[in-house]
Protein backbone atom coordinates (compact mmCIF):
# COMPACT_ATOMS: atom_id res chain seq x y z
CA MET A 1 -1.84 6.15 -23.68
CA SER A 2 -4.80 4.36 -24.83
CA LEU A 3 -5.03 0.71 -24.01
CA ASN A 4 -7.16 -2.26 -25.87
CA ALA A 5 -9.27 -4.23 -23.31
CA ASN A 6 -7.82 -7.32 -23.76
CA ALA A 7 -4.07 -6.21 -23.03
CA ALA A 8 -2.20 -6.80 -20.07
CA PRO A 9 -1.36 -3.72 -18.05
CA SER A 10 2.39 -2.10 -18.18
CA GLY A 11 1.88 -0.16 -15.20
CA PRO A 12 3.78 -1.20 -11.69
CA ALA A 13 2.21 -3.95 -9.07
CA LYS A 14 0.69 -2.40 -5.62
CA VAL A 15 3.43 -0.41 -4.71
CA PRO A 16 3.37 0.43 -1.18
CA LEU A 17 -0.16 0.86 -0.09
CA PHE A 18 -1.48 1.24 -3.38
CA MET A 19 -3.03 -0.17 -6.72
CA LEU A 20 -1.57 -3.31 -8.56
CA ALA A 21 -1.46 -2.08 -11.60
CA SER A 22 -2.17 1.60 -13.72
CA ALA A 23 -2.83 1.00 -17.58
CA THR A 24 -2.17 4.83 -17.85
CA GLU A 25 1.47 4.31 -16.92
CA SER A 26 4.19 4.91 -19.54
CA SER A 27 7.85 4.48 -19.80
CA ALA A 28 10.30 6.77 -18.71
CA PRO A 29 11.91 9.05 -21.19
CA ALA A 30 14.51 6.95 -22.97
CA PRO A 31 18.07 7.85 -21.28
CA PRO A 32 20.60 9.29 -23.41
CA PRO A 33 23.04 6.98 -25.20
CA GLY A 34 26.14 5.97 -22.91
CA THR A 35 23.89 6.79 -19.46
CA PRO A 36 25.58 4.61 -16.45
CA MET A 37 22.80 2.10 -15.27
CA TRP A 38 23.54 3.52 -11.82
CA ARG A 39 21.87 7.26 -12.96
CA ILE A 40 19.13 5.13 -14.62
CA ALA A 41 18.71 3.24 -11.22
CA ALA A 42 18.58 6.25 -8.89
CA ALA A 43 16.20 7.76 -11.34
CA ASN A 44 13.53 5.28 -10.86
CA LEU A 45 14.27 5.16 -7.04
CA SER A 46 14.05 8.92 -6.68
CA ALA A 47 10.56 8.32 -8.53
CA GLY A 48 9.23 5.94 -6.55
CA ALA A 49 10.17 7.70 -3.33
CA THR A 50 8.41 11.01 -4.36
CA ALA A 51 5.51 9.53 -5.54
CA GLY A 52 5.34 7.11 -2.33
CA CYS A 53 5.79 10.33 -0.10
CA ALA A 54 3.19 12.72 -2.24
CA VAL A 55 0.37 9.76 -1.48
CA GLU A 56 1.50 9.50 1.90
CA LEU A 57 0.88 13.31 2.45
CA ALA A 58 -1.98 13.75 0.75
CA LEU A 59 -3.98 10.97 2.16
CA TYR A 60 -2.47 10.45 5.62
CA PRO A 61 -5.45 12.02 7.58
CA ILE A 62 -7.86 9.24 6.11
CA ASP A 63 -5.11 6.43 7.16
CA THR A 64 -4.77 7.95 10.73
CA ILE A 65 -8.55 7.77 10.92
CA LYS A 66 -8.76 3.99 9.61
CA THR A 67 -5.93 3.40 12.22
CA ARG A 68 -7.80 4.71 15.14
CA LEU A 69 -11.30 3.22 14.12
CA GLN A 70 -9.51 -0.29 13.84
CA ALA A 71 -7.39 0.04 17.19
CA MET A 72 -10.76 0.97 19.18
CA ILE A 73 -11.19 -2.19 21.94
CA GLY A 74 -15.57 -2.52 21.20
CA GLY A 75 -15.70 -0.53 18.25
CA GLY A 76 -18.12 2.44 18.37
CA GLY A 77 -17.38 3.85 14.87
CA LEU A 78 -16.69 7.32 13.58
CA LYS A 79 -19.29 8.77 15.91
CA ALA A 80 -17.44 7.30 19.01
CA LEU A 81 -14.07 8.04 17.45
CA LEU A 82 -15.03 11.46 17.19
CA GLN A 83 -16.97 12.10 20.76
CA SER A 84 -13.04 10.86 22.10
CA GLY A 85 -11.25 13.43 20.46
CA GLY A 86 -10.28 10.93 18.01
CA GLY A 87 -10.51 13.31 14.91
CA LYS A 88 -7.82 15.58 16.38
CA GLY A 89 -4.16 15.75 15.25
CA LEU A 90 -4.60 13.75 11.87
CA TYR A 91 -1.23 14.39 11.04
CA ALA A 92 0.40 12.79 13.88
CA GLY A 93 3.57 10.93 12.89
CA VAL A 94 3.88 12.02 9.48
CA TRP A 95 7.39 13.06 9.18
CA GLY A 96 8.46 10.15 10.92
CA ASN A 97 6.32 7.80 8.58
CA LEU A 98 7.70 9.98 5.73
CA ALA A 99 11.17 8.85 6.63
CA GLY A 100 10.36 5.37 6.05
CA VAL A 101 7.96 5.35 3.35
CA ALA A 102 10.81 6.89 1.02
CA PRO A 103 13.47 4.31 1.08
CA ALA A 104 10.64 1.73 1.06
CA SER A 105 9.58 2.91 -1.93
CA ALA A 106 12.62 3.82 -3.43
CA VAL A 107 13.45 -0.54 -2.44
CA PHE A 108 10.04 -1.44 -4.06
CA MET A 109 10.90 0.16 -7.19
CA ALA A 110 14.39 -1.48 -7.11
CA PHE A 111 12.78 -4.97 -6.91
CA TYR A 112 9.49 -4.38 -9.13
CA GLU A 113 11.15 -3.79 -12.32
CA PRO A 114 14.07 -6.18 -12.76
CA THR A 115 11.84 -8.76 -11.63
CA LYS A 116 9.04 -7.63 -13.94
CA GLN A 117 11.14 -7.93 -17.07
CA ALA A 118 12.80 -11.36 -16.03
CA VAL A 119 9.34 -12.86 -15.54
CA GLN A 120 7.95 -11.43 -19.01
CA ALA A 121 11.05 -12.47 -20.82
CA GLU A 122 10.71 -15.97 -19.82
CA VAL A 123 6.49 -16.48 -20.12
CA PRO A 124 4.45 -16.36 -23.42
CA ALA A 125 2.45 -13.06 -24.63
CA ASP A 126 -0.82 -14.48 -22.83
CA LYS A 127 0.84 -14.71 -19.91
CA GLN A 128 2.65 -11.24 -19.46
CA TYR A 129 0.51 -10.40 -16.64
CA LEU A 130 2.44 -12.56 -14.31
CA GLY A 131 5.07 -9.93 -14.69
CA PRO A 132 3.46 -7.07 -12.53
CA VAL A 133 1.91 -9.85 -10.10
CA ILE A 134 5.09 -12.04 -9.35
CA ALA A 135 7.19 -8.52 -9.06
CA GLY A 136 4.92 -6.95 -6.90
CA MET A 137 5.17 -10.07 -4.31
CA VAL A 138 8.86 -9.56 -4.36
CA ALA A 139 9.48 -6.33 -4.60
CA GLY A 140 6.82 -6.26 -1.54
CA THR A 141 8.59 -9.05 0.49
CA ALA A 142 11.83 -7.01 0.10
CA SER A 143 10.29 -3.52 0.81
CA SER A 144 8.23 -5.16 3.98
CA LEU A 145 11.70 -5.21 6.01
CA ILE A 146 11.49 -1.25 5.68
CA ARG A 147 7.86 -0.92 5.74
CA VAL A 148 6.45 -3.03 8.66
CA PRO A 149 8.73 -0.78 11.48
CA THR A 150 7.89 2.23 9.56
CA GLU A 151 3.94 1.08 10.18
CA VAL A 152 4.58 0.09 13.49
CA VAL A 153 5.91 3.44 14.69
CA LYS A 154 3.47 5.37 12.81
CA GLN A 155 0.14 3.57 13.76
CA ARG A 156 1.10 4.00 17.57
CA LEU A 157 1.93 7.64 16.76
CA GLN A 158 -1.89 7.82 15.27
CA THR A 159 -3.34 6.52 18.34
CA GLY A 160 -1.64 8.63 20.53
CA GLU A 161 0.76 6.48 22.56
CA PHE A 162 3.88 8.16 21.64
CA LYS A 163 4.54 12.10 20.61
CA GLY A 164 7.55 11.14 18.35
CA ALA A 165 9.24 9.07 16.31
CA ILE A 166 12.06 9.22 17.83
CA THR A 167 11.01 8.40 21.32
CA ALA A 168 8.54 5.94 20.22
CA VAL A 169 11.54 3.84 18.55
CA ARG A 170 13.73 3.83 21.61
CA THR A 171 10.81 3.28 23.83
CA ILE A 172 9.70 0.06 21.49
CA LEU A 173 13.22 -1.02 21.65
CA GLY A 174 14.36 -0.78 25.08
CA ARG A 175 10.54 -2.30 26.42
CA GLU A 176 9.80 -4.99 23.36
CA GLY A 177 13.26 -5.11 21.73
CA LEU A 178 13.51 -5.66 17.80
CA ARG A 179 10.90 -7.89 17.95
CA GLY A 180 8.57 -4.93 18.81
CA LEU A 181 9.26 -3.36 15.47
CA TYR A 182 8.12 -6.36 13.70
CA ALA A 183 5.11 -6.71 15.45
CA GLY A 184 2.30 -7.84 13.27
CA TYR A 185 4.61 -9.20 10.36
CA GLY A 186 2.72 -12.18 9.92
CA ALA A 187 -0.59 -10.47 9.09
CA PHE A 188 1.03 -8.10 7.16
CA MET A 189 2.25 -9.91 4.83
CA LEU A 190 -0.98 -12.22 4.74
CA ARG A 191 -2.61 -9.23 3.61
CA ASP A 192 -0.31 -7.62 1.28
CA LEU A 193 0.86 -10.43 -0.59
CA PRO A 194 -2.61 -11.77 -1.87
CA PHE A 195 -3.72 -8.16 -2.43
CA ASP A 196 -1.79 -7.78 -5.52
CA ALA A 197 -3.47 -10.95 -7.39
CA ILE A 198 -6.91 -10.35 -6.34
CA GLU A 199 -6.79 -6.45 -7.20
CA PHE A 200 -5.38 -7.51 -10.58
CA VAL A 201 -8.07 -10.19 -11.06
CA ALA A 202 -10.80 -7.69 -10.44
CA TYR A 203 -8.96 -5.07 -12.58
CA GLU A 204 -8.57 -7.47 -15.47
CA GLN A 205 -12.43 -8.86 -15.55
CA ILE A 206 -13.70 -5.46 -15.07
CA LYS A 207 -11.74 -4.04 -17.73
CA LYS A 208 -12.36 -6.88 -19.74
CA ALA A 209 -16.31 -6.44 -19.74
CA TYR A 210 -16.01 -2.91 -19.94
CA GLY A 211 -14.27 -2.90 -22.89
CA ALA A 212 -16.55 -5.71 -24.51
CA SER A 213 -19.51 -3.40 -23.74
CA VAL A 214 -17.85 -0.30 -25.46
CA ARG A 215 -16.41 -2.20 -27.81
CA ARG A 216 -13.59 0.45 -28.16
CA GLU A 217 -9.93 1.08 -26.95
CA LEU A 218 -10.23 2.75 -23.16
CA ASN A 219 -9.06 6.06 -22.32
CA PRO A 220 -6.86 6.71 -19.74
CA GLY A 221 -9.66 8.25 -17.47
CA GLU A 222 -11.80 4.98 -17.91
CA THR A 223 -8.89 2.77 -16.94
CA SER A 224 -7.97 4.93 -13.93
CA LEU A 225 -11.62 4.61 -12.60
CA ILE A 226 -11.44 1.05 -13.39
CA GLY A 227 -8.24 0.87 -11.33
CA ALA A 228 -9.64 2.72 -8.54
CA PHE A 229 -12.40 0.38 -8.31
CA ALA A 230 -10.48 -2.73 -8.57
CA GLY A 231 -8.28 -0.97 -5.62
CA GLY A 232 -11.51 -0.11 -3.46
CA PHE A 233 -12.90 -3.63 -3.94
CA THR A 234 -10.00 -5.39 -3.15
CA GLY A 235 -9.51 -3.37 0.08
CA VAL A 236 -12.65 -4.10 1.44
CA ILE A 237 -12.20 -7.46 1.40
CA THR A 238 -8.96 -7.50 2.77
CA THR A 239 -10.18 -5.28 5.60
CA PRO A 240 -10.30 -8.20 8.51
CA LEU A 241 -6.29 -8.50 7.68
CA ASP A 242 -5.98 -5.10 8.35
CA VAL A 243 -7.57 -4.73 11.44
CA LEU A 244 -5.72 -7.84 12.62
CA LYS A 245 -2.48 -6.05 11.71
CA THR A 246 -3.18 -2.80 13.10
CA ARG A 247 -4.33 -4.85 16.58
CA LEU A 248 -1.11 -6.63 16.43
CA MET A 249 0.92 -3.41 15.91
CA THR A 250 -0.96 -0.92 18.29
CA GLN A 251 -0.92 -3.58 21.32
CA GLY A 252 2.46 -2.68 22.60
CA ALA A 253 4.14 -4.70 25.44
CA SER A 254 0.14 -5.29 26.80
CA GLY A 255 0.11 -8.79 25.12
CA ARG A 256 -3.05 -8.75 24.47
CA TYR A 257 -2.76 -11.09 21.57
CA LYS A 258 -0.27 -13.96 21.54
CA ASN A 259 -0.12 -14.03 17.88
CA LEU A 260 -2.26 -13.88 14.62
CA PHE A 261 -4.88 -16.80 15.33
CA ASP A 262 -5.28 -15.63 19.03
CA ALA A 263 -5.81 -12.21 18.28
CA THR A 264 -8.82 -13.44 15.23
CA VAL A 265 -10.22 -15.91 17.78
CA THR A 266 -10.48 -13.03 20.76
CA ILE A 267 -11.57 -10.28 18.77
CA ALA A 268 -14.60 -12.71 17.42
CA ARG A 269 -15.27 -13.69 20.92
CA THR A 270 -15.44 -10.41 22.75
CA GLU A 271 -16.51 -7.98 19.96
CA GLY A 272 -18.22 -10.26 17.23
CA MET A 273 -17.48 -10.62 13.53
CA GLY A 274 -18.40 -6.71 13.10
CA ALA A 275 -15.03 -6.05 14.31
CA PHE A 276 -12.94 -7.04 11.42
CA MET A 277 -14.63 -4.39 9.14
CA SER A 278 -13.78 -1.73 11.48
CA GLY A 279 -12.43 1.10 9.48
CA TRP A 280 -13.63 -0.25 5.81
CA GLN A 281 -14.92 2.64 4.79
CA PRO A 282 -12.10 5.10 5.34
CA ARG A 283 -10.06 2.22 3.81
CA LEU A 284 -12.20 2.09 0.87
CA ILE A 285 -11.65 5.64 0.02
CA TRP A 286 -7.83 5.62 0.82
CA ILE A 287 -7.00 2.95 -1.39
CA SER A 288 -9.35 4.23 -4.38
CA LEU A 289 -7.70 7.66 -4.19
CA GLY A 290 -4.41 6.77 -3.53
CA GLY A 291 -3.79 5.57 -7.60
CA PHE A 292 -5.00 8.92 -8.40
CA VAL A 293 -2.28 10.34 -6.24
CA PHE A 294 0.44 8.14 -7.16
CA PHE A 295 0.42 7.18 -10.72
CA PRO A 296 0.43 11.00 -11.83
CA VAL A 297 2.99 12.19 -9.34
CA LEU A 298 5.25 9.15 -10.61
CA GLU A 299 5.19 9.89 -14.22
CA ALA A 300 5.90 13.35 -13.57
CA ALA A 301 8.56 12.39 -11.23
CA LYS A 302 10.02 9.80 -13.82
CA LYS A 303 10.56 12.52 -16.13
CA TYR A 304 11.74 14.80 -13.78
CA TYR A 305 14.20 12.32 -12.65
CA ALA A 306 15.32 10.84 -16.22
CA PRO A 307 18.86 11.32 -17.26
CA LYS A 308 19.02 14.52 -19.60
């Protein structure tokens, strides 16, 4: 599929953890006449869950390094992390994380497509881009009810606080209550909701500028690279919010930070402004590569799960 440089992207908004839009995404095969709606919905949910899990498996070690760098009080960078043995066990907690990623990805897809279609049916042709933007925010909010507890458990496994997901959930609930599983929820939403809009604007502007310079339709490879660049750019500038999320999620019952504002002030005062960019390198790699894994798998999964 090729795309005019000024056309609105037809791909999904930022699915959990990854890029806002994919100009290379095609529609799922048309179902046979008479196919029940539940079968079509099940196919979309399964495709989203499969793609989400594929991304987690492929890029989990990079995410682990990012989390450990951000959780290090006082910083020190990658060298300090490796010297402390932080380069070991990069797949710590991956299976427990997948148990949450699959339903979260499925919930995202369940809300995304209907919302996008509803919005696009109400807006003029020159504002079709609002469909994926609004749908991404709605779907992200819905899936956050699963994603945040999953992220809390995952990050505390990645930092070595617990050895297993079940033990982590039981201990967190016992010591901190349900609130412990939703630690950092505000920072999580503050990071993710603006992400879609920022990434979309960057994606569109870069695409238009490049399209005007080459004066032809862009091929799938070019749009993928533009999407990866836009995702990486957005990932870097939202790193401070990601650091705050990680610190709040991994502090446990220590009470080091009272809330998002207190965390911001404490980190700035005790560690300096540079601490807010901890882990930006693996975050850049993680988000940029995410789309290259997610979207091809999503396409293949759509075809595989589509009603025959």
